[in-house]
């Protein structure tokens, strides 16, 4: 009787199956990391865009901080689009007067518009797995009630 050298067909099939399970696991890990990096990059772009938008608003004269045709009226466009790294973002801005109860409220407060609340919602319809980003800030005039 002659002793066989090498692998049997069953051993080869089992070895290939084990290798495929390992390779599929590595591939899925790689694709998940790639998607996570892409999503993180898109959110970073949205945060930078929001910061840029707020800096422009904060550098405007207080009397012009408002929406075109809105209340309060001003020079800010309610809906804008911006392209960053090939992604198209939509910025929806809402600006409202805020009456701070610290110094009494309207109608007894002679200056009921103490400051303005600026809210920006950033969406990206062409981006995969992008959750809209909503950011807000307060804009106050210099020495309003001094």
C-alpha atoms as a PDB file:
ATOM      1  CA  UNK A   1       0.000   0.000   0.000  1.00  0.00           C
ATOM      2  CA  UNK A   2       1.285   3.333  -1.044  1.00  0.00           C
ATOM      3  CA  UNK A   3       1.036   6.270   1.369  1.00  0.00           C
ATOM      4  CA  UNK A   4      -0.472   9.416  -0.185  1.00  0.00           C
ATOM      5  CA  UNK A   5       1.318  12.715   0.058  1.00  0.00           C
ATOM      6  CA  UNK A   6      -0.417  16.099  -0.146  1.00  0.00           C
ATOM      7  CA  UNK A   7      -3.947  17.219   0.663  1.00  0.00           C
ATOM      8  CA  UNK A   8      -7.253  15.598  -0.064  1.00  0.00           C
ATOM      9  CA  UNK A   9     -10.003  17.441  -1.851  1.00  0.00           C
ATOM     10  CA  UNK A  10     -12.005  17.846   1.384  1.00  0.00           C
ATOM     11  CA  UNK A  11      -9.034  19.409   3.161  1.00  0.00           C
ATOM     12  CA  UNK A  12      -8.596  21.904   0.334  1.00  0.00           C
ATOM     13  CA  UNK A  13     -12.304  22.848   0.377  1.00  0.00           C
ATOM     14  CA  UNK A  14     -12.233  23.334   4.174  1.00  0.00           C
ATOM     15  CA  UNK A  15      -9.053  25.444   3.919  1.00  0.00           C
ATOM     16  CA  UNK A  16     -10.541  27.639   1.186  1.00  0.00           C
ATOM     17  CA  UNK A  17     -13.757  28.067   3.224  1.00  0.00           C
ATOM     18  CA  UNK A  18     -11.793  29.156   6.310  1.00  0.00           C
ATOM     19  CA  UNK A  19      -9.761  31.583   4.204  1.00  0.00           C
ATOM     20  CA  UNK A  20     -12.933  33.031   2.619  1.00  0.00           C
ATOM     21  CA  UNK A  21     -14.571  33.570   6.019  1.00  0.00           C
ATOM     22  CA  UNK A  22     -11.456  35.440   7.159  1.00  0.00           C
ATOM     23  CA  UNK A  23     -11.210  37.460   3.927  1.00  0.00           C
ATOM     24  CA  UNK A  24     -14.902  38.473   4.013  1.00  0.00           C
ATOM     25  CA  UNK A  25     -14.513  39.607   7.630  1.00  0.00           C
ATOM     26  CA  UNK A  26     -11.496  41.752   6.754  1.00  0.00           C
ATOM     27  CA  UNK A  27     -13.300  43.197   3.723  1.00  0.00           C
ATOM     28  CA  UNK A  28     -16.383  44.106   5.763  1.00  0.00           C
ATOM     29  CA  UNK A  29     -14.204  45.760   8.388  1.00  0.00           C
ATOM     30  CA  UNK A  30     -12.420  47.741   5.688  1.00  0.00           C
ATOM     31  CA  UNK A  31     -15.659  48.919   4.066  1.00  0.00           C
ATOM     32  CA  UNK A  32     -17.146  49.882   7.455  1.00  0.00           C
ATOM     33  CA  UNK A  33     -14.035  51.923   8.284  1.00  0.00           C
ATOM     34  CA  UNK A  34     -14.105  53.559   4.844  1.00  0.00           C
ATOM     35  CA  UNK A  35     -17.773  54.532   5.242  1.00  0.00           C
ATOM     36  CA  UNK A  36     -17.107  55.870   8.736  1.00  0.00           C
ATOM     37  CA  UNK A  37     -14.219  58.011   7.501  1.00  0.00           C
ATOM     38  CA  UNK A  38     -16.355  59.350   4.629  1.00  0.00           C
ATOM     39  CA  UNK A  39     -19.232  60.161   6.970  1.00  0.00           C
ATOM     40  CA  UNK A  40     -16.883  61.845   9.423  1.00  0.00           C
ATOM     41  CA  UNK A  41     -15.368  63.923   6.624  1.00  0.00           C
ATOM     42  CA  UNK A  42     -18.813  65.058   5.435  1.00  0.00           C
ATOM     43  CA  UNK A  43     -19.860  66.022   8.974  1.00  0.00           C
ATOM     44  CA  UNK A  44     -16.606  67.936   9.365  1.00  0.00           C
ATOM     45  CA  UNK A  45     -17.340  69.825   6.136  1.00  0.00           C
ATOM     46  CA  UNK A  46     -20.831  70.658   7.433  1.00  0.00           C
ATOM     47  CA  UNK A  47     -19.420  71.914  10.743  1.00  0.00           C
ATOM     48  CA  UNK A  48     -16.883  74.086   8.911  1.00  0.00           C
ATOM     49  CA  UNK A  49     -19.638  75.441   6.699  1.00  0.00           C
ATOM     50  CA  UNK A  50     -21.796  76.295   9.732  1.00  0.00           C
ATOM     51  CA  UNK A  51     -18.851  78.028  11.393  1.00  0.00           C
ATOM     52  CA  UNK A  52     -18.166  80.022   8.215  1.00  0.00           C
ATOM     53  CA  UNK A  53     -21.831  81.047   8.001  1.00  0.00           C
ATOM     54  CA  UNK A  54     -21.953  82.122  11.666  1.00  0.00           C
ATOM     55  CA  UNK A  55     -18.735  84.130  11.345  1.00  0.00           C
ATOM     56  CA  UNK A  56     -20.211  86.048   8.413  1.00  0.00           C
ATOM     57  CA  UNK A  57     -23.375  86.761  10.413  1.00  0.00           C
ATOM     58  CA  UNK A  58     -21.481  87.795  13.552  1.00  0.00           C
ATOM     59  CA  UNK A  59     -19.365  90.230  11.529  1.00  0.00           C
ATOM     60  CA  UNK A  60     -22.457  91.966  10.121  1.00  0.00           C
ATOM     61  CA  UNK A  61     -23.828  95.106  11.767  1.00  0.00           C
ATOM     62  CA  UNK A  62     -26.485  94.037  14.284  1.00  0.00           C
ATOM     63  CA  UNK A  63     -29.231  95.951  12.482  1.00  0.00           C
ATOM     64  CA  UNK A  64     -28.665  93.874   9.310  1.00  0.00           C
ATOM     65  CA  UNK A  65     -28.809  90.486  11.081  1.00  0.00           C
ATOM     66  CA  UNK A  66     -32.123  89.124   9.850  1.00  0.00           C
ATOM     67  CA  UNK A  67     -33.671  87.345   6.907  1.00  0.00           C
ATOM     68  CA  UNK A  68     -34.376  89.001   3.599  1.00  0.00           C
ATOM     69  CA  UNK A  69     -38.136  89.574   3.699  1.00  0.00           C
ATOM     70  CA  UNK A  70     -38.349  88.050   7.188  1.00  0.00           C
ATOM     71  CA  UNK A  71     -38.942  89.218  10.711  1.00  0.00           C
ATOM     72  CA  UNK A  72     -36.486  90.504  11.809  1.00  0.00           C
ATOM     73  CA  UNK A  73     -35.580  91.788   8.392  1.00  0.00           C
ATOM     74  CA  UNK A  74     -31.981  91.896   7.296  1.00  0.00           C
ATOM     75  CA  UNK A  75     -29.475  90.782   4.699  1.00  0.00           C
ATOM     76  CA  UNK A  76     -29.257  87.015   5.331  1.00  0.00           C
ATOM     77  CA  UNK A  77     -30.684  84.656   2.719  1.00  0.00           C
ATOM     78  CA  UNK A  78     -33.006  82.034   4.240  1.00  0.00           C
ATOM     79  CA  UNK A  79     -31.892  79.155   1.988  1.00  0.00           C
ATOM     80  CA  UNK A  80     -28.441  78.880   0.435  1.00  0.00           C
ATOM     81  CA  UNK A  81     -26.440  76.150  -1.250  1.00  0.00           C
ATOM     82  CA  UNK A  82     -22.714  75.597  -0.930  1.00  0.00           C
ATOM     83  CA  UNK A  83     -20.388  73.067  -2.526  1.00  0.00           C
ATOM     84  CA  UNK A  84     -17.457  71.675  -0.550  1.00  0.00           C
ATOM     85  CA  UNK A  85     -15.255  68.831  -1.815  1.00  0.00           C
ATOM     86  CA  UNK A  86     -17.848  67.898  -4.416  1.00  0.00           C
ATOM     87  CA  UNK A  87     -20.720  67.662  -1.898  1.00  0.00           C
ATOM     88  CA  UNK A  88     -23.642  70.066  -2.232  1.00  0.00           C
ATOM     89  CA  UNK A  89     -24.968  71.323   1.092  1.00  0.00           C
ATOM     90  CA  UNK A  90     -28.174  73.264   1.701  1.00  0.00           C
ATOM     91  CA  UNK A  91     -28.126  75.810   4.524  1.00  0.00           C
ATOM     92  CA  UNK A  92     -31.516  76.827   5.917  1.00  0.00           C
ATOM     93  CA  UNK A  93     -31.252  79.806   8.247  1.00  0.00           C
ATOM     94  CA  UNK A  94     -33.843  80.991  10.759  1.00  0.00           C
ATOM     95  CA  UNK A  95     -33.370  84.181  12.773  1.00  0.00           C
ATOM     96  CA  UNK A  96     -35.657  85.213  15.651  1.00  0.00           C
ATOM     97  CA  UNK A  97     -35.682  88.032  18.159  1.00  0.00           C
ATOM     98  CA  UNK A  98     -35.329  86.900  21.765  1.00  0.00           C
ATOM     99  CA  UNK A  99     -36.700  88.833  24.733  1.00  0.00           C
ATOM    100  CA  UNK A 100     -34.562  87.990  27.768  1.00  0.00           C
ATOM    101  CA  UNK A 101     -36.702  87.768  30.939  1.00  0.00           C
ATOM    102  CA  UNK A 102     -33.756  89.076  33.014  1.00  0.00           C
ATOM    103  CA  UNK A 103     -34.674  92.687  32.264  1.00  0.00           C
ATOM    104  CA  UNK A 104     -38.454  92.114  32.165  1.00  0.00           C
ATOM    105  CA  UNK A 105     -40.451  91.061  29.172  1.00  0.00           C
ATOM    106  CA  UNK A 106     -42.670  92.776  26.651  1.00  0.00           C
ATOM    107  CA  UNK A 107     -44.833  94.956  27.020  1.00  0.00           C
ATOM    108  CA  UNK A 108     -43.007  96.473  30.040  1.00  0.00           C
ATOM    109  CA  UNK A 109     -39.558  96.025  28.487  1.00  0.00           C
ATOM    110  CA  UNK A 110     -38.691  99.096  26.373  1.00  0.00           C
ATOM    111  CA  UNK A 111     -36.250  96.979  24.274  1.00  0.00           C
ATOM    112  CA  UNK A 112     -37.947  93.590  23.819  1.00  0.00           C
ATOM    113  CA  UNK A 113     -35.503  92.398  21.144  1.00  0.00           C
ATOM    114  CA  UNK A 114     -32.556  91.809  23.485  1.00  0.00           C
ATOM    115  CA  UNK A 115     -30.667  89.583  21.076  1.00  0.00           C
ATOM    116  CA  UNK A 116     -31.224  87.339  18.072  1.00  0.00           C
ATOM    117  CA  UNK A 117     -31.222  83.580  17.896  1.00  0.00           C
ATOM    118  CA  UNK A 118     -29.662  82.330  14.657  1.00  0.00           C
ATOM    119  CA  UNK A 119     -30.314  78.692  13.771  1.00  0.00           C
ATOM    120  CA  UNK A 120     -28.791  76.979  10.747  1.00  0.00           C
ATOM    121  CA  UNK A 121     -29.819  73.526   9.517  1.00  0.00           C
ATOM    122  CA  UNK A 122     -27.408  71.946   7.057  1.00  0.00           C
ATOM    123  CA  UNK A 123     -28.560  69.098   4.818  1.00  0.00           C
ATOM    124  CA  UNK A 124     -26.826  67.150   2.084  1.00  0.00           C
ATOM    125  CA  UNK A 125     -29.196  65.115  -0.069  1.00  0.00           C
ATOM    126  CA  UNK A 126     -26.407  63.648  -2.193  1.00  0.00           C
ATOM    127  CA  UNK A 127     -24.384  62.407   0.787  1.00  0.00           C
ATOM    128  CA  UNK A 128     -24.798  58.844   2.010  1.00  0.00           C
ATOM    129  CA  UNK A 129     -25.763  58.359   5.662  1.00  0.00           C
ATOM    130  CA  UNK A 130     -25.743  62.109   6.358  1.00  0.00           C
ATOM    131  CA  UNK A 131     -27.909  63.262   9.228  1.00  0.00           C
ATOM    132  CA  UNK A 132     -28.901  66.941   9.002  1.00  0.00           C
ATOM    133  CA  UNK A 133     -26.812  69.166  11.265  1.00  0.00           C
ATOM    134  CA  UNK A 134     -28.590  71.830  13.307  1.00  0.00           C
ATOM    135  CA  UNK A 135     -26.500  74.529  14.984  1.00  0.00           C
ATOM    136  CA  UNK A 136     -27.551  77.743  16.685  1.00  0.00           C
ATOM    137  CA  UNK A 137     -25.938  80.779  18.247  1.00  0.00           C
ATOM    138  CA  UNK A 138     -26.934  84.061  19.807  1.00  0.00           C
ATOM    139  CA  UNK A 139     -26.066  87.433  18.309  1.00  0.00           C
ATOM    140  CA  UNK A 140     -26.293  90.454  20.560  1.00  0.00           C
ATOM    141  CA  UNK A 141     -25.759  94.132  19.855  1.00  0.00           C
ATOM    142  CA  UNK A 142     -23.139  96.167  21.645  1.00  0.00           C
ATOM    143  CA  UNK A 143     -24.483  98.164  24.614  1.00  0.00           C
ATOM    144  CA  UNK A 144     -28.179  97.715  23.804  1.00  0.00           C
ATOM    145  CA  UNK A 145     -29.447  98.316  27.318  1.00  0.00           C
ATOM    146  CA  UNK A 146     -26.654 100.241  28.953  1.00  0.00           C
END
